[in-house]
Amino acid sequence: MTQNVCVVTGSRAEYGLLRPLLFKLNNDKKISLQLVVTGSHLSGSFGNTQKEIEEDGFEIHKRIPIPLDGDSKVEMAKVTGYALSAFADYFEKNSPNLLVVLGDRFEIFAAAAAAAILG
């Protein structure tokens, strides 16, 4: 039976740390990798690093853009709520068996919180 493993990456820093694990998951016939790309990966200001992920040979299962207009704590709280809602929708539709996250940024927190709430 194939297991759906969702990995969320939001920045180049944690993608580099997750990369070896992603290769192992992607090559395991018993695992269906659901790679979700969000955060600064999708920003031209940060190099649009989603292209590096694709160049590594990974299929991006879903892109979840997060409209961050500022870096105030209030703005971070608001976009965290938006991201939590977007991840809840994704998890409900795609039903991963396992979620892998790494990091301390708001988009990773939102993914982890949505998964915890949904069980």
PDB file of N, CA and C in Angstrom:
ATOM      1  N   MET A   1       0.843  -1.179   0.000  1.00  0.00           N
ATOM      2  CA  MET A   1       0.000   0.000   0.000  1.00  0.00           C
ATOM      3  C   MET A   1       0.892   1.247   0.000  1.00  0.00           C
ATOM      4  N   THR A   2       0.601   2.168  -0.880  1.00  0.00           N
ATOM      5  CA  THR A   2       1.373   3.400  -0.998  1.00  0.00           C
ATOM      6  C   THR A   2       0.969   4.385   0.098  1.00  0.00           C
ATOM      7  N   GLN A   3       1.960   5.003   0.708  1.00  0.00           N
ATOM      8  CA  GLN A   3       1.726   6.025   1.723  1.00  0.00           C
ATOM      9  C   GLN A   3       1.939   7.400   1.097  1.00  0.00           C
ATOM     10  N   ASN A   4       1.027   8.331   1.356  1.00  0.00           N
ATOM     11  CA  ASN A   4       1.163   9.701   0.890  1.00  0.00           C
ATOM     12  C   ASN A   4       1.938  10.500   1.931  1.00  0.00           C
ATOM     13  N   VAL A   5       3.129  10.935   1.552  1.00  0.00           N
ATOM     14  CA  VAL A   5       3.972  11.714   2.449  1.00  0.00           C
ATOM     15  C   VAL A   5       4.074  13.127   1.886  1.00  0.00           C
ATOM     16  N   CYS A   6       3.593  14.077   2.645  1.00  0.00           N
ATOM     17  CA  CYS A   6       3.623  15.481   2.251  1.00  0.00           C
ATOM     18  C   CYS A   6       4.823  16.153   2.918  1.00  0.00           C
ATOM     19  N   VAL A   7       5.628  16.817   2.100  1.00  0.00           N
ATOM     20  CA  VAL A   7       6.752  17.604   2.612  1.00  0.00           C
ATOM     21  C   VAL A   7       6.495  19.047   2.194  1.00  0.00           C
ATOM     22  N   VAL A   8       6.549  19.948   3.170  1.00  0.00           N
ATOM     23  CA  VAL A   8       6.346  21.366   2.913  1.00  0.00           C
ATOM     24  C   VAL A   8       7.692  22.068   3.009  1.00  0.00           C
ATOM     25  N   THR A   9       8.005  22.859   1.986  1.00  0.00           N
ATOM     26  CA  THR A   9       9.221  23.657   2.011  1.00  0.00           C
ATOM     27  C   THR A   9       8.873  25.106   1.690  1.00  0.00           C
ATOM     28  N   GLY A  10       9.447  26.013   2.467  1.00  0.00           N
ATOM     29  CA  GLY A  10       9.132  27.424   2.306  1.00  0.00           C
ATOM     30  C   GLY A  10      10.320  28.308   2.004  1.00  0.00           C
ATOM     31  N   SER A  11      11.541  27.769   2.174  1.00  0.00           N
ATOM     32  CA  SER A  11      12.718  28.610   1.938  1.00  0.00           C
ATOM     33  C   SER A  11      13.898  27.760   1.474  1.00  0.00           C
ATOM     34  N   ARG A  12      14.837  28.424   0.851  1.00  0.00           N
ATOM     35  CA  ARG A  12      16.039  27.749   0.371  1.00  0.00           C
ATOM     36  C   ARG A  12      16.805  27.092   1.523  1.00  0.00           C
ATOM     37  N   ALA A  13      16.834  27.749   2.675  1.00  0.00           N
ATOM     38  CA  ALA A  13      17.611  27.241   3.817  1.00  0.00           C
ATOM     39  C   ALA A  13      17.138  25.854   4.249  1.00  0.00           C
ATOM     40  N   GLU A  14      15.842  25.684   4.468  1.00  0.00           N
ATOM     41  CA  GLU A  14      15.386  24.369   4.920  1.00  0.00           C
ATOM     42  C   GLU A  14      15.269  23.389   3.768  1.00  0.00           C
ATOM     43  N   TYR A  15      15.075  23.865   2.546  1.00  0.00           N
ATOM     44  CA  TYR A  15      15.065  22.947   1.409  1.00  0.00           C
ATOM     45  C   TYR A  15      16.408  22.223   1.298  1.00  0.00           C
ATOM     46  N   GLY A  16      17.478  22.943   1.493  1.00  0.00           N
ATOM     47  CA  GLY A  16      18.804  22.319   1.435  1.00  0.00           C
ATOM     48  C   GLY A  16      18.952  21.201   2.451  1.00  0.00           C
ATOM     49  N   LEU A  17      18.373  21.380   3.622  1.00  0.00           N
ATOM     50  CA  LEU A  17      18.428  20.347   4.661  1.00  0.00           C
ATOM     51  C   LEU A  17      17.475  19.183   4.346  1.00  0.00           C
ATOM     52  N   LEU A  18      16.348  19.485   3.723  1.00  0.00           N
ATOM     53  CA  LEU A  18      15.361  18.450   3.382  1.00  0.00           C
ATOM     54  C   LEU A  18      15.717  17.678   2.114  1.00  0.00           C
ATOM     55  N   ARG A  19      16.562  18.240   1.290  1.00  0.00           N
ATOM     56  CA  ARG A  19      16.873  17.692  -0.041  1.00  0.00           C
ATOM     57  C   ARG A  19      17.262  16.205  -0.023  1.00  0.00           C
ATOM     58  N   PRO A  20      18.197  15.771   0.835  1.00  0.00           N
ATOM     59  CA  PRO A  20      18.543  14.328   0.846  1.00  0.00           C
ATOM     60  C   PRO A  20      17.333  13.436   1.187  1.00  0.00           C
ATOM     61  N   LEU A  21      16.515  13.882   2.126  1.00  0.00           N
ATOM     62  CA  LEU A  21      15.316  13.123   2.479  1.00  0.00           C
ATOM     63  C   LEU A  21      14.345  13.087   1.306  1.00  0.00           C
ATOM     64  N   LEU A  22      14.195  14.203   0.610  1.00  0.00           N
ATOM     65  CA  LEU A  22      13.299  14.254  -0.547  1.00  0.00           C
ATOM     66  C   LEU A  22      13.719  13.255  -1.620  1.00  0.00           C
ATOM     67  N   PHE A  23      15.019  13.144  -1.880  1.00  0.00           N
ATOM     68  CA  PHE A  23      15.490  12.159  -2.859  1.00  0.00           C
ATOM     69  C   PHE A  23      15.118  10.743  -2.425  1.00  0.00           C
ATOM     70  N   LYS A  24      15.304  10.431  -1.142  1.00  0.00           N
ATOM     71  CA  LYS A  24      14.964   9.085  -0.653  1.00  0.00           C
ATOM     72  C   LYS A  24      13.468   8.813  -0.749  1.00  0.00           C
ATOM     73  N   LEU A  25      12.659   9.784  -0.347  1.00  0.00           N
ATOM     74  CA  LEU A  25      11.210   9.609  -0.425  1.00  0.00           C
ATOM     75  C   LEU A  25      10.756   9.465  -1.874  1.00  0.00           C
ATOM     76  N   ASN A  26      11.317  10.272  -2.755  1.00  0.00           N
ATOM     77  CA  ASN A  26      10.922  10.267  -4.156  1.00  0.00           C
ATOM     78  C   ASN A  26      11.282   8.958  -4.850  1.00  0.00           C
ATOM     79  N   ASN A  27      12.319   8.294  -4.384  1.00  0.00           N
ATOM     80  CA  ASN A  27      12.766   7.048  -5.006  1.00  0.00           C
ATOM     81  C   ASN A  27      12.173   5.799  -4.373  1.00  0.00           C
ATOM     82  N   ASP A  28      11.396   5.961  -3.317  1.00  0.00           N
ATOM     83  CA  ASP A  28      10.781   4.824  -2.633  1.00  0.00           C
ATOM     84  C   ASP A  28       9.440   4.494  -3.297  1.00  0.00           C
ATOM     85  N   LYS A  29       9.325   3.288  -3.815  1.00  0.00           N
ATOM     86  CA  LYS A  29       8.112   2.861  -4.541  1.00  0.00           C
ATOM     87  C   LYS A  29       6.878   2.779  -3.637  1.00  0.00           C
ATOM     88  N   LYS A  30       7.087   2.692  -2.330  1.00  0.00           N
ATOM     89  CA  LYS A  30       5.975   2.588  -1.390  1.00  0.00           C
ATOM     90  C   LYS A  30       5.466   3.959  -0.944  1.00  0.00           C
ATOM     91  N   ILE A  31       6.083   5.017  -1.453  1.00  0.00           N
ATOM     92  CA  ILE A  31       5.738   6.370  -1.025  1.00  0.00           C
ATOM     93  C   ILE A  31       5.333   7.218  -2.223  1.00  0.00           C
ATOM     94  N   SER A  32       4.252   7.931  -2.042  1.00  0.00           N
ATOM     95  CA  SER A  32       3.832   8.945  -3.007  1.00  0.00           C
ATOM     96  C   SER A  32       4.178  10.298  -2.385  1.00  0.00           C
ATOM     97  N   LEU A  33       5.182  10.959  -2.948  1.00  0.00           N
ATOM     98  CA  LEU A  33       5.645  12.238  -2.414  1.00  0.00           C
ATOM     99  C   LEU A  33       4.718  13.358  -2.878  1.00  0.00           C
ATOM    100  N   GLN A  34       4.199  14.092  -1.903  1.00  0.00           N
ATOM    101  CA  GLN A  34       3.393  15.277  -2.168  1.00  0.00           C
ATOM    102  C   GLN A  34       4.227  16.479  -1.721  1.00  0.00           C
ATOM    103  N   LEU A  35       4.941  17.081  -2.644  1.00  0.00           N
ATOM    104  CA  LEU A  35       5.821  18.205  -2.315  1.00  0.00           C
ATOM    105  C   LEU A  35       5.052  19.511  -2.463  1.00  0.00           C
ATOM    106  N   VAL A  36       4.932  20.224  -1.349  1.00  0.00           N
ATOM    107  CA  VAL A  36       4.224  21.504  -1.324  1.00  0.00           C
ATOM    108  C   VAL A  36       5.251  22.605  -1.158  1.00  0.00           C
ATOM    109  N   VAL A  37       5.211  23.562  -2.082  1.00  0.00           N
ATOM    110  CA  VAL A  37       6.166  24.663  -2.108  1.00  0.00           C
ATOM    111  C   VAL A  37       5.425  25.956  -1.795  1.00  0.00           C
ATOM    112  N   THR A  38       5.990  26.747  -0.911  1.00  0.00           N
ATOM    113  CA  THR A  38       5.344  27.964  -0.450  1.00  0.00           C
ATOM    114  C   THR A  38       6.406  29.000  -0.086  1.00  0.00           C
ATOM    115  N   GLY A  39       5.985  30.046   0.568  1.00  0.00           N
ATOM    116  CA  GLY A  39       6.918  31.030   1.116  1.00  0.00           C
ATOM    117  C   GLY A  39       7.815  31.688   0.096  1.00  0.00           C
ATOM    118  N   SER A  40       9.072  31.878   0.487  1.00  0.00           N
ATOM    119  CA  SER A  40      10.008  32.627  -0.357  1.00  0.00           C
ATOM    120  C   SER A  40      10.397  31.885  -1.633  1.00  0.00           C
ATOM    121  N   HIS A  41      10.140  30.581  -1.715  1.00  0.00           N
ATOM    122  CA  HIS A  41      10.402  29.852  -2.962  1.00  0.00           C
ATOM    123  C   HIS A  41       9.641  30.463  -4.143  1.00  0.00           C
ATOM    124  N   LEU A  42       8.493  31.031  -3.861  1.00  0.00           N
ATOM    125  CA  LEU A  42       7.615  31.526  -4.920  1.00  0.00           C
ATOM    126  C   LEU A  42       7.818  33.011  -5.208  1.00  0.00           C
ATOM    127  N   SER A  43       8.793  33.617  -4.560  1.00  0.00           N
ATOM    128  CA  SER A  43       9.015  35.053  -4.680  1.00  0.00           C
ATOM    129  C   SER A  43      10.198  35.375  -5.591  1.00  0.00           C
ATOM    130  N   GLY A  44       9.951  36.242  -6.542  1.00  0.00           N
ATOM    131  CA  GLY A  44      11.033  36.719  -7.392  1.00  0.00           C
ATOM    132  C   GLY A  44      12.078  37.482  -6.596  1.00  0.00           C
ATOM    133  N   SER A  45      11.673  38.117  -5.523  1.00  0.00           N
ATOM    134  CA  SER A  45      12.602  38.861  -4.663  1.00  0.00           C
ATOM    135  C   SER A  45      13.633  37.954  -3.998  1.00  0.00           C
ATOM    136  N   PHE A  46      13.279  36.685  -3.842  1.00  0.00           N
ATOM    137  CA  PHE A  46      14.183  35.721  -3.201  1.00  0.00           C
ATOM    138  C   PHE A  46      14.721  34.703  -4.202  1.00  0.00           C
ATOM    139  N   GLY A  47      14.689  35.053  -5.473  1.00  0.00           N
ATOM    140  CA  GLY A  47      15.309  34.204  -6.487  1.00  0.00           C
ATOM    141  C   GLY A  47      14.409  33.172  -7.125  1.00  0.00           C
ATOM    142  N   ASN A  48      13.113  33.162  -6.778  1.00  0.00           N
ATOM    143  CA  ASN A  48      12.188  32.207  -7.386  1.00  0.00           C
ATOM    144  C   ASN A  48      12.760  30.787  -7.336  1.00  0.00           C
ATOM    145  N   THR A  49      13.163  30.373  -6.140  1.00  0.00           N
ATOM    146  CA  THR A  49      13.908  29.126  -5.968  1.00  0.00           C
ATOM    147  C   THR A  49      13.089  27.863  -6.218  1.00  0.00           C
ATOM    148  N   GLN A  50      11.814  28.005  -6.518  1.00  0.00           N
ATOM    149  CA  GLN A  50      11.030  26.831  -6.911  1.00  0.00           C
ATOM    150  C   GLN A  50      11.641  26.176  -8.153  1.00  0.00           C
ATOM    151  N   LYS A  51      12.302  26.966  -8.969  1.00  0.00           N
ATOM    152  CA  LYS A  51      12.950  26.433 -10.173  1.00  0.00           C
ATOM    153  C   LYS A  51      14.086  25.479  -9.811  1.00  0.00           C
ATOM    154  N   GLU A  52      14.806  25.768  -8.732  1.00  0.00           N
ATOM    155  CA  GLU A  52      15.878  24.867  -8.274  1.00  0.00           C
ATOM    156  C   GLU A  52      15.304  23.521  -7.858  1.00  0.00           C
ATOM    157  N   ILE A  53      14.143  23.551  -7.238  1.00  0.00           N
ATOM    158  CA  ILE A  53      13.479  22.313  -6.818  1.00  0.00           C
ATOM    159  C   ILE A  53      13.138  21.470  -8.039  1.00  0.00           C
ATOM    160  N   GLU A  54      12.586  22.106  -9.058  1.00  0.00           N
ATOM    161  CA  GLU A  54      12.245  21.398 -10.291  1.00  0.00           C
ATOM    162  C   GLU A  54      13.504  20.906 -11.012  1.00  0.00           C
ATOM    163  N   GLU A  55      14.571  21.702 -10.978  1.00  0.00           N
ATOM    164  CA  GLU A  55      15.834  21.279 -11.601  1.00  0.00           C
ATOM    165  C   GLU A  55      16.430  20.064 -10.899  1.00  0.00           C
ATOM    166  N   ASP A  56      16.115  19.891  -9.618  1.00  0.00           N
ATOM    167  CA  ASP A  56      16.556  18.701  -8.893  1.00  0.00           C
ATOM    168  C   ASP A  56      15.739  17.471  -9.285  1.00  0.00           C
ATOM    169  N   GLY A  57      14.713  17.663 -10.101  1.00  0.00           N
ATOM    170  CA  GLY A  57      13.915  16.543 -10.591  1.00  0.00           C
ATOM    171  C   GLY A  57      12.652  16.270  -9.801  1.00  0.00           C
ATOM    172  N   PHE A  58      12.299  17.160  -8.886  1.00  0.00           N
ATOM    173  CA  PHE A  58      11.095  16.950  -8.077  1.00  0.00           C
ATOM    174  C   PHE A  58       9.883  17.574  -8.745  1.00  0.00           C
ATOM    175  N   GLU A  59       8.786  16.839  -8.694  1.00  0.00           N
ATOM    176  CA  GLU A  59       7.511  17.387  -9.147  1.00  0.00           C
ATOM    177  C   GLU A  59       6.886  18.146  -7.983  1.00  0.00           C
ATOM    178  N   ILE A  60       6.519  19.374  -8.227  1.00  0.00           N
ATOM    179  CA  ILE A  60       5.845  20.162  -7.190  1.00  0.00           C
ATOM    180  C   ILE A  60       4.363  19.822  -7.254  1.00  0.00           C
ATOM    181  N   HIS A  61       3.869  19.237  -6.176  1.00  0.00           N
ATOM    182  CA  HIS A  61       2.477  18.794  -6.124  1.00  0.00           C
ATOM    183  C   HIS A  61       1.533  19.980  -5.993  1.00  0.00           C
ATOM    184  N   LYS A  62       1.949  20.984  -5.221  1.00  0.00           N
ATOM    185  CA  LYS A  62       1.107  22.158  -5.002  1.00  0.00           C
ATOM    186  C   LYS A  62       1.985  23.351  -4.637  1.00  0.00           C
ATOM    187  N   ARG A  63       1.641  24.500  -5.184  1.00  0.00           N
ATOM    188  CA  ARG A  63       2.253  25.771  -4.802  1.00  0.00           C
ATOM    189  C   ARG A  63       1.218  26.535  -3.988  1.00  0.00           C
ATOM    190  N   ILE A  64       1.590  26.947  -2.800  1.00  0.00           N
ATOM    191  CA  ILE A  64       0.684  27.728  -1.957  1.00  0.00           C
ATOM    192  C   ILE A  64       1.314  29.096  -1.734  1.00  0.00           C
ATOM    193  N   PRO A  65       0.915  30.082  -2.554  1.00  0.00           N
ATOM    194  CA  PRO A  65       1.462  31.426  -2.363  1.00  0.00           C
ATOM    195  C   PRO A  65       0.875  32.071  -1.113  1.00  0.00           C
ATOM    196  N   ILE A  66       1.701  32.830  -0.437  1.00  0.00           N
ATOM    197  CA  ILE A  66       1.276  33.527   0.770  1.00  0.00           C
ATOM    198  C   ILE A  66       1.538  35.014   0.564  1.00  0.00           C
ATOM    199  N   PRO A  67       0.482  35.818   0.517  1.00  0.00           N
ATOM    200  CA  PRO A  67       0.615  37.240   0.193  1.00  0.00           C
ATOM    201  C   PRO A  67       1.120  38.074   1.375  1.00  0.00           C
ATOM    202  N   LEU A  68       2.423  38.111   1.550  1.00  0.00           N
ATOM    203  CA  LEU A  68       3.022  38.869   2.649  1.00  0.00           C
ATOM    204  C   LEU A  68       3.402  40.254   2.149  1.00  0.00           C
ATOM    205  N   ASP A  69       2.752  41.274   2.693  1.00  0.00           N
ATOM    206  CA  ASP A  69       2.994  42.648   2.260  1.00  0.00           C
ATOM    207  C   ASP A  69       3.946  43.411   3.172  1.00  0.00           C
ATOM    208  N   GLY A  70       4.251  42.875   4.315  1.00  0.00           N
ATOM    209  CA  GLY A  70       5.133  43.562   5.260  1.00  0.00           C
ATOM    210  C   GLY A  70       5.724  42.571   6.223  1.00  0.00           C
ATOM    211  N   ASP A  71       6.540  43.059   7.142  1.00  0.00           N
ATOM    212  CA  ASP A  71       7.148  42.131   8.100  1.00  0.00           C
ATOM    213  C   ASP A  71       6.808  42.477   9.543  1.00  0.00           C
ATOM    214  N   SER A  72       5.723  43.206   9.733  1.00  0.00           N
ATOM    215  CA  SER A  72       5.292  43.506  11.100  1.00  0.00           C
ATOM    216  C   SER A  72       4.693  42.251  11.726  1.00  0.00           C
ATOM    217  N   LYS A  73       4.618  42.235  13.027  1.00  0.00           N
ATOM    218  CA  LYS A  73       4.040  41.087  13.726  1.00  0.00           C
ATOM    219  C   LYS A  73       2.560  40.922  13.389  1.00  0.00           C
ATOM    220  N   VAL A  74       1.867  42.043  13.220  1.00  0.00           N
ATOM    221  CA  VAL A  74       0.451  41.976  12.862  1.00  0.00           C
ATOM    222  C   VAL A  74       0.291  41.361  11.476  1.00  0.00           C
ATOM    223  N   GLU A  75       1.107  41.793  10.519  1.00  0.00           N
ATOM    224  CA  GLU A  75       1.043  41.234   9.166  1.00  0.00           C
ATOM    225  C   GLU A  75       1.362  39.746   9.191  1.00  0.00           C
ATOM    226  N   MET A  76       2.370  39.344   9.961  1.00  0.00           N
ATOM    227  CA  MET A  76       2.733  37.922  10.072  1.00  0.00           C
ATOM    228  C   MET A  76       1.571  37.111  10.639  1.00  0.00           C
ATOM    229  N   ALA A  77       0.905  37.655  11.656  1.00  0.00           N
ATOM    230  CA  ALA A  77      -0.237  36.947  12.247  1.00  0.00           C
ATOM    231  C   ALA A  77      -1.360  36.787  11.231  1.00  0.00           C
ATOM    232  N   LYS A  78      -1.613  37.835  10.460  1.00  0.00           N
ATOM    233  CA  LYS A  78      -2.684  37.770   9.469  1.00  0.00           C
ATOM    234  C   LYS A  78      -2.382  36.763   8.373  1.00  0.00           C
ATOM    235  N   VAL A  79      -1.168  36.765   7.856  1.00  0.00           N
ATOM    236  CA  VAL A  79      -0.853  35.825   6.775  1.00  0.00           C
ATOM    237  C   VAL A  79      -0.717  34.399   7.299  1.00  0.00           C
ATOM    238  N   THR A  80      -0.386  34.245   8.565  1.00  0.00           N
ATOM    239  CA  THR A  80      -0.369  32.905   9.148  1.00  0.00           C
ATOM    240  C   THR A  80      -1.778  32.320   9.133  1.00  0.00           C
ATOM    241  N   GLY A  81      -2.767  33.146   9.439  1.00  0.00           N
ATOM    242  CA  GLY A  81      -4.161  32.702   9.371  1.00  0.00           C
ATOM    243  C   GLY A  81      -4.551  32.312   7.952  1.00  0.00           C
ATOM    244  N   TYR A  82      -4.146  33.117   6.993  1.00  0.00           N
ATOM    245  CA  TYR A  82      -4.405  32.808   5.582  1.00  0.00           C
ATOM    246  C   TYR A  82      -3.752  31.473   5.209  1.00  0.00           C
ATOM    247  N   ALA A  83      -2.479  31.314   5.589  1.00  0.00           N
ATOM    248  CA  ALA A  83      -1.737  30.096   5.257  1.00  0.00           C
ATOM    249  C   ALA A  83      -2.357  28.877   5.936  1.00  0.00           C
ATOM    250  N   LEU A  84      -2.784  29.012   7.181  1.00  0.00           N
ATOM    251  CA  LEU A  84      -3.413  27.901   7.897  1.00  0.00           C
ATOM    252  C   LEU A  84      -4.653  27.435   7.131  1.00  0.00           C
ATOM    253  N   SER A  85      -5.439  28.381   6.647  1.00  0.00           N
ATOM    254  CA  SER A  85      -6.632  28.043   5.870  1.00  0.00           C
ATOM    255  C   SER A  85      -6.255  27.338   4.570  1.00  0.00           C
ATOM    256  N   ALA A  86      -5.234  27.842   3.879  1.00  0.00           N
ATOM    257  CA  ALA A  86      -4.807  27.228   2.614  1.00  0.00           C
ATOM    258  C   ALA A  86      -4.290  25.810   2.831  1.00  0.00           C
ATOM    259  N   PHE A  87      -3.509  25.601   3.891  1.00  0.00           N
ATOM    260  CA  PHE A  87      -3.015  24.251   4.172  1.00  0.00           C
ATOM    261  C   PHE A  87      -4.146  23.325   4.598  1.00  0.00           C
ATOM    262  N   ALA A  88      -5.112  23.819   5.352  1.00  0.00           N
ATOM    263  CA  ALA A  88      -6.263  22.988   5.735  1.00  0.00           C
ATOM    264  C   ALA A  88      -7.000  22.505   4.491  1.00  0.00           C
ATOM    265  N   ASP A  89      -7.209  23.397   3.528  1.00  0.00           N
ATOM    266  CA  ASP A  89      -7.860  23.010   2.272  1.00  0.00           C
ATOM    267  C   ASP A  89      -7.040  21.946   1.540  1.00  0.00           C
ATOM    268  N   TYR A  90      -5.717  22.161   1.481  1.00  0.00           N
ATOM    269  CA  TYR A  90      -4.854  21.204   0.789  1.00  0.00           C
ATOM    270  C   TYR A  90      -4.905  19.828   1.467  1.00  0.00           C
ATOM    271  N   PHE A  91      -4.756  19.802   2.791  1.00  0.00           N
ATOM    272  CA  PHE A  91      -4.746  18.521   3.509  1.00  0.00           C
ATOM    273  C   PHE A  91      -6.088  17.805   3.393  1.00  0.00           C
ATOM    274  N   GLU A  92      -7.178  18.558   3.433  1.00  0.00           N
ATOM    275  CA  GLU A  92      -8.492  17.940   3.301  1.00  0.00           C
ATOM    276  C   GLU A  92      -8.640  17.275   1.928  1.00  0.00           C
ATOM    277  N   LYS A  93      -8.168  17.940   0.896  1.00  0.00           N
ATOM    278  CA  LYS A  93      -8.303  17.427  -0.469  1.00  0.00           C
ATOM    279  C   LYS A  93      -7.339  16.281  -0.765  1.00  0.00           C
ATOM    280  N   ASN A  94      -6.122  16.311  -0.205  1.00  0.00           N
ATOM    281  CA  ASN A  94      -5.071  15.370  -0.601  1.00  0.00           C
ATOM    282  C   ASN A  94      -4.766  14.278   0.423  1.00  0.00           C
ATOM    283  N   SER A  95      -5.268  14.384   1.616  1.00  0.00           N
ATOM    284  CA  SER A  95      -5.183  13.342   2.654  1.00  0.00           C
ATOM    285  C   SER A  95      -3.809  12.697   2.823  1.00  0.00           C
ATOM    286  N   PRO A  96      -2.770  13.480   3.140  1.00  0.00           N
ATOM    287  CA  PRO A  96      -1.475  12.839   3.381  1.00  0.00           C
ATOM    288  C   PRO A  96      -1.511  11.972   4.637  1.00  0.00           C
ATOM    289  N   ASN A  97      -0.727  10.887   4.614  1.00  0.00           N
ATOM    290  CA  ASN A  97      -0.608  10.029   5.787  1.00  0.00           C
ATOM    291  C   ASN A  97       0.405  10.582   6.779  1.00  0.00           C
ATOM    292  N   LEU A  98       1.334  11.374   6.269  1.00  0.00           N
ATOM    293  CA  LEU A  98       2.415  11.902   7.093  1.00  0.00           C
ATOM    294  C   LEU A  98       2.812  13.272   6.551  1.00  0.00           C
ATOM    295  N   LEU A  99       3.131  14.185   7.469  1.00  0.00           N
ATOM    296  CA  LEU A  99       3.606  15.511   7.087  1.00  0.00           C
ATOM    297  C   LEU A  99       5.022  15.681   7.610  1.00  0.00           C
ATOM    298  N   VAL A 100       5.914  16.176   6.746  1.00  0.00           N
ATOM    299  CA  VAL A 100       7.281  16.483   7.137  1.00  0.00           C
ATOM    300  C   VAL A 100       7.480  17.985   6.976  1.00  0.00           C
ATOM    301  N   VAL A 101       7.856  18.641   8.062  1.00  0.00           N
ATOM    302  CA  VAL A 101       8.159  20.070   8.038  1.00  0.00           C
ATOM    303  C   VAL A 101       9.461  20.305   8.787  1.00  0.00           C
ATOM    304  N   LEU A 102      10.135  21.372   8.421  1.00  0.00           N
ATOM    305  CA  LEU A 102      11.379  21.747   9.079  1.00  0.00           C
ATOM    306  C   LEU A 102      11.452  23.261   9.042  1.00  0.00           C
ATOM    307  N   GLY A 103      11.636  23.871  10.181  1.00  0.00           N
ATOM    308  CA  GLY A 103      11.784  25.316  10.171  1.00  0.00           C
ATOM    309  C   GLY A 103      11.002  25.999  11.258  1.00  0.00           C
ATOM    310  N   ASP A 104      11.193  27.303  11.299  1.00  0.00           N
ATOM    311  CA  ASP A 104      10.566  28.097  12.348  1.00  0.00           C
ATOM    312  C   ASP A 104       9.851  29.326  11.787  1.00  0.00           C
ATOM    313  N   ARG A 105       9.561  29.299  10.508  1.00  0.00           N
ATOM    314  CA  ARG A 105       8.877  30.428   9.885  1.00  0.00           C
ATOM    315  C   ARG A 105       7.356  30.234   9.947  1.00  0.00           C
ATOM    316  N   PHE A 106       6.632  31.324   9.721  1.00  0.00           N
ATOM    317  CA  PHE A 106       5.179  31.314   9.879  1.00  0.00           C
ATOM    318  C   PHE A 106       4.487  30.334   8.945  1.00  0.00           C
ATOM    319  N   GLU A 107       4.999  30.137   7.719  1.00  0.00           N
ATOM    320  CA  GLU A 107       4.320  29.224   6.793  1.00  0.00           C
ATOM    321  C   GLU A 107       4.477  27.769   7.244  1.00  0.00           C
ATOM    322  N   ILE A 108       5.609  27.441   7.850  1.00  0.00           N
ATOM    323  CA  ILE A 108       5.801  26.089   8.371  1.00  0.00           C
ATOM    324  C   ILE A 108       4.933  25.872   9.607  1.00  0.00           C
ATOM    325  N   PHE A 109       4.856  26.906  10.446  1.00  0.00           N
ATOM    326  CA  PHE A 109       3.968  26.844  11.614  1.00  0.00           C
ATOM    327  C   PHE A 109       2.527  26.611  11.159  1.00  0.00           C
ATOM    328  N   ALA A 110       2.095  27.325  10.124  1.00  0.00           N
ATOM    329  CA  ALA A 110       0.722  27.191   9.629  1.00  0.00           C
ATOM    330  C   ALA A 110       0.447  25.774   9.126  1.00  0.00           C
ATOM    331  N   ALA A 111       1.393  25.216   8.387  1.00  0.00           N
ATOM    332  CA  ALA A 111       1.226  23.844   7.891  1.00  0.00           C
ATOM    333  C   ALA A 111       1.128  22.859   9.054  1.00  0.00           C
ATOM    334  N   ALA A 112       2.008  22.994  10.028  1.00  0.00           N
ATOM    335  CA  ALA A 112       1.996  22.088  11.182  1.00  0.00           C
ATOM    336  C   ALA A 112       0.711  22.247  12.001  1.00  0.00           C
ATOM    337  N   ALA A 113       0.279  23.490  12.190  1.00  0.00           N
ATOM    338  CA  ALA A 113      -0.947  23.726  12.956  1.00  0.00           C
ATOM    339  C   ALA A 113      -2.169  23.145  12.252  1.00  0.00           C
ATOM    340  N   ALA A 114      -2.273  23.358  10.947  1.00  0.00           N
ATOM    341  CA  ALA A 114      -3.405  22.804  10.199  1.00  0.00           C
ATOM    342  C   ALA A 114      -3.421  21.283  10.292  1.00  0.00           C
ATOM    343  N   ALA A 115      -2.247  20.668  10.130  1.00  0.00           N
ATOM    344  CA  ALA A 115      -2.176  19.200  10.210  1.00  0.00           C
ATOM    345  C   ALA A 115      -2.541  18.701  11.600  1.00  0.00           C
ATOM    346  N   ALA A 116      -2.081  19.384  12.634  1.00  0.00           N
ATOM    347  CA  ALA A 116      -2.396  18.965  14.003  1.00  0.00           C
ATOM    348  C   ALA A 116      -3.902  19.063  14.267  1.00  0.00           C
ATOM    349  N   ILE A 117      -4.514  20.139  13.822  1.00  0.00           N
ATOM    350  CA  ILE A 117      -5.936  20.320  14.035  1.00  0.00           C
ATOM    351  C   ILE A 117      -6.743  19.264  13.280  1.00  0.00           C
ATOM    352  N   LEU A 118      -6.304  18.934  12.073  1.00  0.00           N
ATOM    353  CA  LEU A 118      -7.024  17.947  11.256  1.00  0.00           C
ATOM    354  C   LEU A 118      -6.717  16.497  11.645  1.00  0.00           C
ATOM    355  N   GLY A 119      -5.741  16.338  12.517  1.00  0.00           N
ATOM    356  CA  GLY A 119      -5.399  15.005  12.988  1.00  0.00           C
ATOM    357  C   GLY A 119      -4.579  14.203  12.012  1.00  0.00           C
TER     358      GLY A 119
END
